[in-house]
Amino acid sequence: MGTAHQLQQSPPSAPVLLDEYFVKQLAAFNAMTRALREAGIEILSLMQHDNRIYIRTEDSDLVKSNFLSEIRGMRYRTTDRVTHNVVTIRGVDVAWLTPVKEQDQ
């Protein structure tokens, strides 16, 4: 006969309290993630702590065609050979990278 093993239980952890702002932001972030996927937009990275969703460059036109009336801000920043494009939709930043185009000399 085998011996009975007692399982050690962890002490109960303290409940996690989420403030109202975080709950609303997380709900908006999750809803935007679902909306992008439903529009056929491939998500590359979810950065919830930055409130930013990265998509494929090829899908940026889908963002514009599906969410144009909801875009509240557009920002661009070029570093080295890449432009970081960001639009704010429903309070969430949607971003993609594009290569810098060299001008003909």
PDB file of N, CA and C in Angstrom:
ATOM      1  N   MET A   1       0.837  -1.187   0.000  1.00  0.00           N
ATOM      2  CA  MET A   1       0.000   0.000   0.000  1.00  0.00           C
ATOM      3  C   MET A   1       0.871   1.236   0.000  1.00  0.00           C
ATOM      4  N   GLY A   2       0.438   2.215  -0.750  1.00  0.00           N
ATOM      5  CA  GLY A   2       1.167   3.471  -0.808  1.00  0.00           C
ATOM      6  C   GLY A   2       0.835   4.336   0.395  1.00  0.00           C
ATOM      7  N   THR A   3       1.677   5.280   0.638  1.00  0.00           N
ATOM      8  CA  THR A   3       1.416   6.195   1.750  1.00  0.00           C
ATOM      9  C   THR A   3       0.664   7.407   1.237  1.00  0.00           C
ATOM     10  N   ALA A   4      -0.119   7.955   2.089  1.00  0.00           N
ATOM     11  CA  ALA A   4      -0.885   9.158   1.724  1.00  0.00           C
ATOM     12  C   ALA A   4       0.029  10.365   1.825  1.00  0.00           C
ATOM     13  N   HIS A   5      -0.028  11.209   0.817  1.00  0.00           N
ATOM     14  CA  HIS A   5       0.768  12.431   0.823  1.00  0.00           C
ATOM     15  C   HIS A   5      -0.145  13.599   1.128  1.00  0.00           C
ATOM     16  N   GLN A   6       0.305  14.426   2.007  1.00  0.00           N
ATOM     17  CA  GLN A   6      -0.463  15.628   2.297  1.00  0.00           C
ATOM     18  C   GLN A   6      -0.041  16.734   1.352  1.00  0.00           C
ATOM     19  N   LEU A   7      -1.015  17.397   0.786  1.00  0.00           N
ATOM     20  CA  LEU A   7      -0.723  18.531  -0.077  1.00  0.00           C
ATOM     21  C   LEU A   7      -0.625  19.775   0.774  1.00  0.00           C
ATOM     22  N   GLN A   8       0.425  20.504   0.550  1.00  0.00           N
ATOM     23  CA  GLN A   8       0.549  21.773   1.269  1.00  0.00           C
ATOM     24  C   GLN A   8      -0.208  22.831   0.497  1.00  0.00           C
ATOM     25  N   GLN A   9      -1.022  23.551   1.206  1.00  0.00           N
ATOM     26  CA  GLN A   9      -1.761  24.627   0.584  1.00  0.00           C
ATOM     27  C   GLN A   9      -1.076  25.947   0.859  1.00  0.00           C
ATOM     28  N   SER A  10      -1.062  26.791  -0.166  1.00  0.00           N
ATOM     29  CA  SER A  10      -0.498  28.126   0.003  1.00  0.00           C
ATOM     30  C   SER A  10      -1.453  28.943   0.848  1.00  0.00           C
ATOM     31  N   PRO A  11      -0.902  29.855   1.618  1.00  0.00           N
ATOM     32  CA  PRO A  11      -1.811  30.727   2.364  1.00  0.00           C
ATOM     33  C   PRO A  11      -2.631  31.548   1.384  1.00  0.00           C
ATOM     34  N   PRO A  12      -3.863  31.861   1.727  1.00  0.00           N
ATOM     35  CA  PRO A  12      -4.687  32.640   0.790  1.00  0.00           C
ATOM     36  C   PRO A  12      -4.022  33.974   0.480  1.00  0.00           C
ATOM     37  N   SER A  13      -4.030  34.306  -0.805  1.00  0.00           N
ATOM     38  CA  SER A  13      -3.423  35.579  -1.197  1.00  0.00           C
ATOM     39  C   SER A  13      -4.441  36.698  -1.039  1.00  0.00           C
ATOM     40  N   ALA A  14      -3.916  37.889  -0.896  1.00  0.00           N
ATOM     41  CA  ALA A  14      -4.786  39.059  -0.741  1.00  0.00           C
ATOM     42  C   ALA A  14      -5.507  39.309  -2.059  1.00  0.00           C
ATOM     43  N   PRO A  15      -6.744  39.746  -2.015  1.00  0.00           N
ATOM     44  CA  PRO A  15      -7.463  40.030  -3.260  1.00  0.00           C
ATOM     45  C   PRO A  15      -6.802  41.181  -4.006  1.00  0.00           C
ATOM     46  N   VAL A  16      -6.840  41.091  -5.318  1.00  0.00           N
ATOM     47  CA  VAL A  16      -6.268  42.138  -6.155  1.00  0.00           C
ATOM     48  C   VAL A  16      -7.354  43.164  -6.424  1.00  0.00           C
ATOM     49  N   LEU A  17      -7.053  44.401  -6.126  1.00  0.00           N
ATOM     50  CA  LEU A  17      -8.000  45.482  -6.363  1.00  0.00           C
ATOM     51  C   LEU A  17      -7.549  46.281  -7.567  1.00  0.00           C
ATOM     52  N   LEU A  18      -8.432  46.444  -8.512  1.00  0.00           N
ATOM     53  CA  LEU A  18      -8.120  47.210  -9.702  1.00  0.00           C
ATOM     54  C   LEU A  18      -8.858  48.534  -9.626  1.00  0.00           C
ATOM     55  N   ASP A  19      -8.130  49.604  -9.894  1.00  0.00           N
ATOM     56  CA  ASP A  19      -8.818  50.896  -9.855  1.00  0.00           C
ATOM     57  C   ASP A  19      -9.700  51.056 -11.092  1.00  0.00           C
ATOM     58  N   GLU A  20     -10.645  51.933 -10.998  1.00  0.00           N
ATOM     59  CA  GLU A  20     -11.656  52.113 -12.039  1.00  0.00           C
ATOM     60  C   GLU A  20     -11.035  52.507 -13.387  1.00  0.00           C
ATOM     61  N   TYR A  21     -10.016  53.370 -13.357  1.00  0.00           N
ATOM     62  CA  TYR A  21      -9.368  53.795 -14.593  1.00  0.00           C
ATOM     63  C   TYR A  21      -8.736  52.602 -15.302  1.00  0.00           C
ATOM     64  N   PHE A  22      -8.024  51.758 -14.558  1.00  0.00           N
ATOM     65  CA  PHE A  22      -7.361  50.606 -15.155  1.00  0.00           C
ATOM     66  C   PHE A  22      -8.387  49.651 -15.768  1.00  0.00           C
ATOM     67  N   VAL A  23      -9.482  49.422 -15.076  1.00  0.00           N
ATOM     68  CA  VAL A  23     -10.513  48.517 -15.583  1.00  0.00           C
ATOM     69  C   VAL A  23     -11.082  49.045 -16.899  1.00  0.00           C
ATOM     70  N   LYS A  24     -11.356  50.339 -16.968  1.00  0.00           N
ATOM     71  CA  LYS A  24     -11.888  50.928 -18.207  1.00  0.00           C
ATOM     72  C   LYS A  24     -10.866  50.850 -19.334  1.00  0.00           C
ATOM     73  N   GLN A  25      -9.603  51.137 -19.014  1.00  0.00           N
ATOM     74  CA  GLN A  25      -8.547  51.093 -20.024  1.00  0.00           C
ATOM     75  C   GLN A  25      -8.366  49.667 -20.544  1.00  0.00           C
ATOM     76  N   LEU A  26      -8.375  48.699 -19.655  1.00  0.00           N
ATOM     77  CA  LEU A  26      -8.213  47.302 -20.060  1.00  0.00           C
ATOM     78  C   LEU A  26      -9.394  46.846 -20.922  1.00  0.00           C
ATOM     79  N   ALA A  27     -10.596  47.262 -20.574  1.00  0.00           N
ATOM     80  CA  ALA A  27     -11.773  46.908 -21.372  1.00  0.00           C
ATOM     81  C   ALA A  27     -11.669  47.504 -22.772  1.00  0.00           C
ATOM     82  N   ALA A  28     -11.244  48.768 -22.867  1.00  0.00           N
ATOM     83  CA  ALA A  28     -11.088  49.420 -24.174  1.00  0.00           C
ATOM     84  C   ALA A  28      -9.995  48.724 -24.990  1.00  0.00           C
ATOM     85  N   PHE A  29      -8.907  48.371 -24.337  1.00  0.00           N
ATOM     86  CA  PHE A  29      -7.789  47.697 -24.996  1.00  0.00           C
ATOM     87  C   PHE A  29      -8.244  46.345 -25.557  1.00  0.00           C
ATOM     88  N   ASN A  30      -8.950  45.566 -24.760  1.00  0.00           N
ATOM     89  CA  ASN A  30      -9.423  44.260 -25.203  1.00  0.00           C
ATOM     90  C   ASN A  30     -10.447  44.390 -26.329  1.00  0.00           C
ATOM     91  N   ALA A  31     -11.338  45.368 -26.222  1.00  0.00           N
ATOM     92  CA  ALA A  31     -12.345  45.581 -27.265  1.00  0.00           C
ATOM     93  C   ALA A  31     -11.689  45.993 -28.582  1.00  0.00           C
ATOM     94  N   MET A  32     -10.673  46.842 -28.513  1.00  0.00           N
ATOM     95  CA  MET A  32      -9.974  47.273 -29.726  1.00  0.00           C
ATOM     96  C   MET A  32      -9.231  46.096 -30.346  1.00  0.00           C
ATOM     97  N   THR A  33      -8.640  45.250 -29.527  1.00  0.00           N
ATOM     98  CA  THR A  33      -7.955  44.060 -30.028  1.00  0.00           C
ATOM     99  C   THR A  33      -8.936  43.179 -30.800  1.00  0.00           C
ATOM    100  N   ARG A  34     -10.116  42.956 -30.239  1.00  0.00           N
ATOM    101  CA  ARG A  34     -11.127  42.147 -30.918  1.00  0.00           C
ATOM    102  C   ARG A  34     -11.584  42.806 -32.218  1.00  0.00           C
ATOM    103  N   ALA A  35     -11.806  44.120 -32.189  1.00  0.00           N
ATOM    104  CA  ALA A  35     -12.274  44.837 -33.383  1.00  0.00           C
ATOM    105  C   ALA A  35     -11.244  44.760 -34.509  1.00  0.00           C
ATOM    106  N   LEU A  36      -9.968  44.891 -34.177  1.00  0.00           N
ATOM    107  CA  LEU A  36      -8.919  44.791 -35.192  1.00  0.00           C
ATOM    108  C   LEU A  36      -8.908  43.401 -35.816  1.00  0.00           C
ATOM    109  N   ARG A  37      -8.993  42.391 -34.984  1.00  0.00           N
ATOM    110  CA  ARG A  37      -8.984  41.021 -35.500  1.00  0.00           C
ATOM    111  C   ARG A  37     -10.212  40.748 -36.362  1.00  0.00           C
ATOM    112  N   GLU A  38     -11.365  41.254 -35.933  1.00  0.00           N
ATOM    113  CA  GLU A  38     -12.589  41.070 -36.722  1.00  0.00           C
ATOM    114  C   GLU A  38     -12.496  41.755 -38.082  1.00  0.00           C
ATOM    115  N   ALA A  39     -11.696  42.827 -38.165  1.00  0.00           N
ATOM    116  CA  ALA A  39     -11.505  43.545 -39.430  1.00  0.00           C
ATOM    117  C   ALA A  39     -10.448  42.870 -40.303  1.00  0.00           C
ATOM    118  N   GLY A  40      -9.888  41.762 -39.842  1.00  0.00           N
ATOM    119  CA  GLY A  40      -8.887  41.042 -40.626  1.00  0.00           C
ATOM    120  C   GLY A  40      -7.486  41.592 -40.479  1.00  0.00           C
ATOM    121  N   ILE A  41      -7.241  42.365 -39.435  1.00  0.00           N
ATOM    122  CA  ILE A  41      -5.941  42.986 -39.205  1.00  0.00           C
ATOM    123  C   ILE A  41      -5.119  42.086 -38.283  1.00  0.00           C
ATOM    124  N   GLU A  42      -3.923  41.743 -38.743  1.00  0.00           N
ATOM    125  CA  GLU A  42      -3.059  40.870 -37.958  1.00  0.00           C
ATOM    126  C   GLU A  42      -2.320  41.673 -36.893  1.00  0.00           C
ATOM    127  N   ILE A  43      -2.402  41.207 -35.679  1.00  0.00           N
ATOM    128  CA  ILE A  43      -1.739  41.875 -34.555  1.00  0.00           C
ATOM    129  C   ILE A  43      -0.379  41.227 -34.340  1.00  0.00           C
ATOM    130  N   LEU A  44       0.652  42.063 -34.287  1.00  0.00           N
ATOM    131  CA  LEU A  44       2.006  41.569 -34.061  1.00  0.00           C
ATOM    132  C   LEU A  44       2.374  41.551 -32.591  1.00  0.00           C
ATOM    133  N   SER A  45       1.906  42.565 -31.853  1.00  0.00           N
ATOM    134  CA  SER A  45       2.294  42.687 -30.457  1.00  0.00           C
ATOM    135  C   SER A  45       1.252  43.481 -29.684  1.00  0.00           C
ATOM    136  N   LEU A  46       0.982  43.032 -28.475  1.00  0.00           N
ATOM    137  CA  LEU A  46       0.072  43.739 -27.572  1.00  0.00           C
ATOM    138  C   LEU A  46       0.889  44.291 -26.410  1.00  0.00           C
ATOM    139  N   MET A  47       0.895  45.596 -26.257  1.00  0.00           N
ATOM    140  CA  MET A  47       1.651  46.255 -25.188  1.00  0.00           C
ATOM    141  C   MET A  47       0.647  46.956 -24.262  1.00  0.00           C
ATOM    142  N   GLN A  48      -0.042  46.173 -23.442  1.00  0.00           N
ATOM    143  CA  GLN A  48      -1.111  46.723 -22.620  1.00  0.00           C
ATOM    144  C   GLN A  48      -0.602  47.804 -21.679  1.00  0.00           C
ATOM    145  N   HIS A  49       0.601  47.625 -21.142  1.00  0.00           N
ATOM    146  CA  HIS A  49       1.143  48.627 -20.205  1.00  0.00           C
ATOM    147  C   HIS A  49       1.382  49.970 -20.891  1.00  0.00           C
ATOM    148  N   ASP A  50       1.580  49.970 -22.219  1.00  0.00           N
ATOM    149  CA  ASP A  50       1.735  51.212 -22.989  1.00  0.00           C
ATOM    150  C   ASP A  50       0.443  51.601 -23.705  1.00  0.00           C
ATOM    151  N   ASN A  51      -0.596  50.774 -23.560  1.00  0.00           N
ATOM    152  CA  ASN A  51      -1.879  51.000 -24.221  1.00  0.00           C
ATOM    153  C   ASN A  51      -1.697  51.069 -25.744  1.00  0.00           C
ATOM    154  N   ARG A  52      -0.854  50.158 -26.261  1.00  0.00           N
ATOM    155  CA  ARG A  52      -0.496  50.192 -27.677  1.00  0.00           C
ATOM    156  C   ARG A  52      -0.568  48.791 -28.287  1.00  0.00           C
ATOM    157  N   ILE A  53      -1.134  48.740 -29.496  1.00  0.00           N
ATOM    158  CA  ILE A  53      -1.240  47.500 -30.256  1.00  0.00           C
ATOM    159  C   ILE A  53      -0.445  47.692 -31.546  1.00  0.00           C
ATOM    160  N   TYR A  54       0.499  46.793 -31.805  1.00  0.00           N
ATOM    161  CA  TYR A  54       1.288  46.853 -33.036  1.00  0.00           C
ATOM    162  C   TYR A  54       0.687  45.919 -34.078  1.00  0.00           C
ATOM    163  N   ILE A  55       0.548  46.433 -35.285  1.00  0.00           N
ATOM    164  CA  ILE A  55      -0.007  45.649 -36.389  1.00  0.00           C
ATOM    165  C   ILE A  55       1.022  45.548 -37.513  1.00  0.00           C
ATOM    166  N   ARG A  56       0.711  44.702 -38.505  1.00  0.00           N
ATOM    167  CA  ARG A  56       1.579  44.599 -39.685  1.00  0.00           C
ATOM    168  C   ARG A  56       1.445  45.861 -40.524  1.00  0.00           C
ATOM    169  N   THR A  57       2.533  46.283 -41.115  1.00  0.00           N
ATOM    170  CA  THR A  57       2.526  47.458 -41.985  1.00  0.00           C
ATOM    171  C   THR A  57       1.499  47.299 -43.098  1.00  0.00           C
ATOM    172  N   GLU A  58       1.403  46.096 -43.658  1.00  0.00           N
ATOM    173  CA  GLU A  58       0.492  45.836 -44.763  1.00  0.00           C
ATOM    174  C   GLU A  58      -0.968  46.066 -44.379  1.00  0.00           C
ATOM    175  N   ASP A  59      -1.283  46.011 -43.090  1.00  0.00           N
ATOM    176  CA  ASP A  59      -2.663  46.157 -42.634  1.00  0.00           C
ATOM    177  C   ASP A  59      -3.036  47.596 -42.270  1.00  0.00           C
ATOM    178  N   SER A  60      -2.111  48.532 -42.450  1.00  0.00           N
ATOM    179  CA  SER A  60      -2.416  49.920 -42.084  1.00  0.00           C
ATOM    180  C   SER A  60      -3.553  50.496 -42.931  1.00  0.00           C
ATOM    181  N   ASP A  61      -3.658  50.082 -44.185  1.00  0.00           N
ATOM    182  CA  ASP A  61      -4.773  50.543 -45.026  1.00  0.00           C
ATOM    183  C   ASP A  61      -6.115  50.020 -44.506  1.00  0.00           C
ATOM    184  N   LEU A  62      -6.113  48.807 -43.958  1.00  0.00           N
ATOM    185  CA  LEU A  62      -7.344  48.260 -43.371  1.00  0.00           C
ATOM    186  C   LEU A  62      -7.771  49.063 -42.143  1.00  0.00           C
ATOM    187  N   VAL A  63      -6.795  49.537 -41.385  1.00  0.00           N
ATOM    188  CA  VAL A  63      -7.120  50.376 -40.225  1.00  0.00           C
ATOM    189  C   VAL A  63      -7.808  51.643 -40.705  1.00  0.00           C
ATOM    190  N   LYS A  64      -7.231  52.255 -41.717  1.00  0.00           N
ATOM    191  CA  LYS A  64      -7.795  53.506 -42.240  1.00  0.00           C
ATOM    192  C   LYS A  64      -9.191  53.285 -42.822  1.00  0.00           C
ATOM    193  N   SER A  65      -9.384  52.200 -43.560  1.00  0.00           N
ATOM    194  CA  SER A  65     -10.693  51.987 -44.190  1.00  0.00           C
ATOM    195  C   SER A  65     -11.765  51.540 -43.195  1.00  0.00           C
ATOM    196  N   ASN A  66     -11.379  50.811 -42.148  1.00  0.00           N
ATOM    197  CA  ASN A  66     -12.352  50.314 -41.187  1.00  0.00           C
ATOM    198  C   ASN A  66     -12.611  51.264 -40.019  1.00  0.00           C
ATOM    199  N   PHE A  67     -11.642  52.110 -39.680  1.00  0.00           N
ATOM    200  CA  PHE A  67     -11.761  52.929 -38.477  1.00  0.00           C
ATOM    201  C   PHE A  67     -11.533  54.420 -38.730  1.00  0.00           C
ATOM    202  N   LEU A  68     -11.587  54.854 -39.984  1.00  0.00           N
ATOM    203  CA  LEU A  68     -11.265  56.240 -40.325  1.00  0.00           C
ATOM    204  C   LEU A  68     -12.059  57.246 -39.496  1.00  0.00           C
ATOM    205  N   SER A  69     -13.333  57.028 -39.321  1.00  0.00           N
ATOM    206  CA  SER A  69     -14.158  57.990 -38.578  1.00  0.00           C
ATOM    207  C   SER A  69     -13.863  57.989 -37.081  1.00  0.00           C
ATOM    208  N   GLU A  70     -13.128  56.982 -36.605  1.00  0.00           N
ATOM    209  CA  GLU A  70     -12.822  56.887 -35.179  1.00  0.00           C
ATOM    210  C   GLU A  70     -11.395  57.301 -34.828  1.00  0.00           C
ATOM    211  N   ILE A  71     -10.589  57.584 -35.834  1.00  0.00           N
ATOM    212  CA  ILE A  71      -9.202  57.985 -35.573  1.00  0.00           C
ATOM    213  C   ILE A  71      -9.198  59.375 -34.949  1.00  0.00           C
ATOM    214  N   ARG A  72      -8.587  59.489 -33.778  1.00  0.00           N
ATOM    215  CA  ARG A  72      -8.575  60.752 -33.045  1.00  0.00           C
ATOM    216  C   ARG A  72      -7.204  61.414 -33.002  1.00  0.00           C
ATOM    217  N   GLY A  73      -6.197  60.735 -33.431  1.00  0.00           N
ATOM    218  CA  GLY A  73      -4.866  61.338 -33.436  1.00  0.00           C
ATOM    219  C   GLY A  73      -3.939  60.532 -34.321  1.00  0.00           C
ATOM    220  N   MET A  74      -3.083  61.234 -35.055  1.00  0.00           N
ATOM    221  CA  MET A  74      -2.095  60.572 -35.903  1.00  0.00           C
ATOM    222  C   MET A  74      -0.731  61.170 -35.579  1.00  0.00           C
ATOM    223  N   ARG A  75       0.230  60.299 -35.339  1.00  0.00           N
ATOM    224  CA  ARG A  75       1.578  60.757 -35.015  1.00  0.00           C
ATOM    225  C   ARG A  75       2.594  59.921 -35.795  1.00  0.00           C
ATOM    226  N   TYR A  76       3.688  60.559 -36.153  1.00  0.00           N
ATOM    227  CA  TYR A  76       4.763  59.901 -36.894  1.00  0.00           C
ATOM    228  C   TYR A  76       6.088  60.316 -36.287  1.00  0.00           C
ATOM    229  N   ARG A  77       6.999  59.362 -36.160  1.00  0.00           N
ATOM    230  CA  ARG A  77       8.339  59.670 -35.667  1.00  0.00           C
ATOM    231  C   ARG A  77       9.329  58.816 -36.452  1.00  0.00           C
ATOM    232  N   THR A  78      10.291  59.474 -37.078  1.00  0.00           N
ATOM    233  CA  THR A  78      11.291  58.755 -37.867  1.00  0.00           C
ATOM    234  C   THR A  78      12.588  58.659 -37.085  1.00  0.00           C
ATOM    235  N   THR A  79      13.083  57.438 -37.001  1.00  0.00           N
ATOM    236  CA  THR A  79      14.357  57.172 -36.349  1.00  0.00           C
ATOM    237  C   THR A  79      15.158  56.274 -37.269  1.00  0.00           C
ATOM    238  N   ASP A  80      16.347  56.717 -37.613  1.00  0.00           N
ATOM    239  CA  ASP A  80      17.199  55.967 -38.537  1.00  0.00           C
ATOM    240  C   ASP A  80      16.445  55.697 -39.839  1.00  0.00           C
ATOM    241  N   ARG A  81      16.170  54.464 -40.142  1.00  0.00           N
ATOM    242  CA  ARG A  81      15.533  54.115 -41.423  1.00  0.00           C
ATOM    243  C   ARG A  81      14.088  53.630 -41.255  1.00  0.00           C
ATOM    244  N   VAL A  82      13.481  53.923 -40.108  1.00  0.00           N
ATOM    245  CA  VAL A  82      12.125  53.448 -39.835  1.00  0.00           C
ATOM    246  C   VAL A  82      11.249  54.588 -39.337  1.00  0.00           C
ATOM    247  N   THR A  83      10.011  54.636 -39.815  1.00  0.00           N
ATOM    248  CA  THR A  83       9.034  55.583 -39.299  1.00  0.00           C
ATOM    249  C   THR A  83       8.042  54.822 -38.434  1.00  0.00           C
ATOM    250  N   HIS A  84       7.860  55.312 -37.229  1.00  0.00           N
ATOM    251  CA  HIS A  84       6.931  54.724 -36.268  1.00  0.00           C
ATOM    252  C   HIS A  84       5.613  55.485 -36.411  1.00  0.00           C
ATOM    253  N   ASN A  85       4.578  54.840 -36.923  1.00  0.00           N
ATOM    254  CA  ASN A  85       3.273  55.446 -37.173  1.00  0.00           C
ATOM    255  C   ASN A  85       2.323  55.046 -36.054  1.00  0.00           C
ATOM    256  N   VAL A  86       1.576  56.007 -35.514  1.00  0.00           N
ATOM    257  CA  VAL A  86       0.642  55.724 -34.430  1.00  0.00           C
ATOM    258  C   VAL A  86      -0.652  56.486 -34.668  1.00  0.00           C
ATOM    259  N   VAL A  87      -1.774  55.783 -34.537  1.00  0.00           N
ATOM    260  CA  VAL A  87      -3.087  56.427 -34.548  1.00  0.00           C
ATOM    261  C   VAL A  87      -3.798  56.021 -33.264  1.00  0.00           C
ATOM    262  N   THR A  88      -4.636  56.912 -32.753  1.00  0.00           N
ATOM    263  CA  THR A  88      -5.417  56.597 -31.563  1.00  0.00           C
ATOM    264  C   THR A  88      -6.855  56.341 -31.987  1.00  0.00           C
ATOM    265  N   ILE A  89      -7.343  55.168 -31.618  1.00  0.00           N
ATOM    266  CA  ILE A  89      -8.708  54.762 -31.940  1.00  0.00           C
ATOM    267  C   ILE A  89      -9.345  54.248 -30.652  1.00  0.00           C
ATOM    268  N   ARG A  90     -10.479  54.824 -30.287  1.00  0.00           N
ATOM    269  CA  ARG A  90     -11.207  54.397 -29.081  1.00  0.00           C
ATOM    270  C   ARG A  90     -10.320  54.436 -27.840  1.00  0.00           C
ATOM    271  N   GLY A  91      -9.407  55.387 -27.810  1.00  0.00           N
ATOM    272  CA  GLY A  91      -8.534  55.557 -26.652  1.00  0.00           C
ATOM    273  C   GLY A  91      -7.339  54.626 -26.609  1.00  0.00           C
ATOM    274  N   VAL A  92      -7.123  53.849 -27.666  1.00  0.00           N
ATOM    275  CA  VAL A  92      -6.010  52.899 -27.726  1.00  0.00           C
ATOM    276  C   VAL A  92      -5.121  53.272 -28.900  1.00  0.00           C
ATOM    277  N   ASP A  93      -3.812  53.217 -28.694  1.00  0.00           N
ATOM    278  CA  ASP A  93      -2.863  53.505 -29.770  1.00  0.00           C
ATOM    279  C   ASP A  93      -2.662  52.251 -30.627  1.00  0.00           C
ATOM    280  N   VAL A  94      -2.793  52.427 -31.932  1.00  0.00           N
ATOM    281  CA  VAL A  94      -2.520  51.364 -32.895  1.00  0.00           C
ATOM    282  C   VAL A  94      -1.302  51.824 -33.687  1.00  0.00           C
ATOM    283  N   ALA A  95      -0.265  50.989 -33.736  1.00  0.00           N
ATOM    284  CA  ALA A  95       1.010  51.413 -34.313  1.00  0.00           C
ATOM    285  C   ALA A  95       1.532  50.406 -35.329  1.00  0.00           C
ATOM    286  N   TRP A  96       2.336  50.919 -36.269  1.00  0.00           N
ATOM    287  CA  TRP A  96       3.029  50.078 -37.237  1.00  0.00           C
ATOM    288  C   TRP A  96       4.285  50.812 -37.682  1.00  0.00           C
ATOM    289  N   LEU A  97       5.229  50.041 -38.211  1.00  0.00           N
ATOM    290  CA  LEU A  97       6.503  50.605 -38.666  1.00  0.00           C
ATOM    291  C   LEU A  97       6.551  50.570 -40.183  1.00  0.00           C
ATOM    292  N   THR A  98       7.124  51.632 -40.767  1.00  0.00           N
ATOM    293  CA  THR A  98       7.326  51.666 -42.207  1.00  0.00           C
ATOM    294  C   THR A  98       8.775  52.076 -42.475  1.00  0.00           C
ATOM    295  N   PRO A  99       9.365  51.516 -43.526  1.00  0.00           N
ATOM    296  CA  PRO A  99      10.733  51.927 -43.858  1.00  0.00           C
ATOM    297  C   PRO A  99      10.732  53.329 -44.403  1.00  0.00           C
ATOM    298  N   VAL A 100      11.806  54.066 -44.126  1.00  0.00           N
ATOM    299  CA  VAL A 100      11.947  55.420 -44.656  1.00  0.00           C
ATOM    300  C   VAL A 100      12.285  55.303 -46.134  1.00  0.00           C
ATOM    301  N   LYS A 101      11.606  56.083 -46.933  1.00  0.00           N
ATOM    302  CA  LYS A 101      11.858  56.068 -48.373  1.00  0.00           C
ATOM    303  C   LYS A 101      12.984  57.038 -48.690  1.00  0.00           C
ATOM    304  N   GLU A 102      13.976  56.545 -49.394  1.00  0.00           N
ATOM    305  CA  GLU A 102      15.094  57.380 -49.804  1.00  0.00           C
ATOM    306  C   GLU A 102      14.670  58.227 -51.011  1.00  0.00           C
ATOM    307  N   GLN A 103      15.002  59.497 -50.987  1.00  0.00           N
ATOM    308  CA  GLN A 103      14.667  60.352 -52.111  1.00  0.00           C
ATOM    309  C   GLN A 103      15.715  60.179 -53.202  1.00  0.00           C
ATOM    310  N   ASP A 104      15.238  60.247 -54.424  1.00  0.00           N
ATOM    311  CA  ASP A 104      16.162  60.134 -55.548  1.00  0.00           C
ATOM    312  C   ASP A 104      17.070  61.359 -55.568  1.00  0.00           C
ATOM    313  N   GLN A 105      18.350  61.121 -55.789  1.00  0.00           N
ATOM    314  CA  GLN A 105      19.327  62.217 -55.800  1.00  0.00           C
ATOM    315  C   GLN A 105      19.493  62.758 -57.193  1.00  0.00           C
TER     316      GLN A 105
END
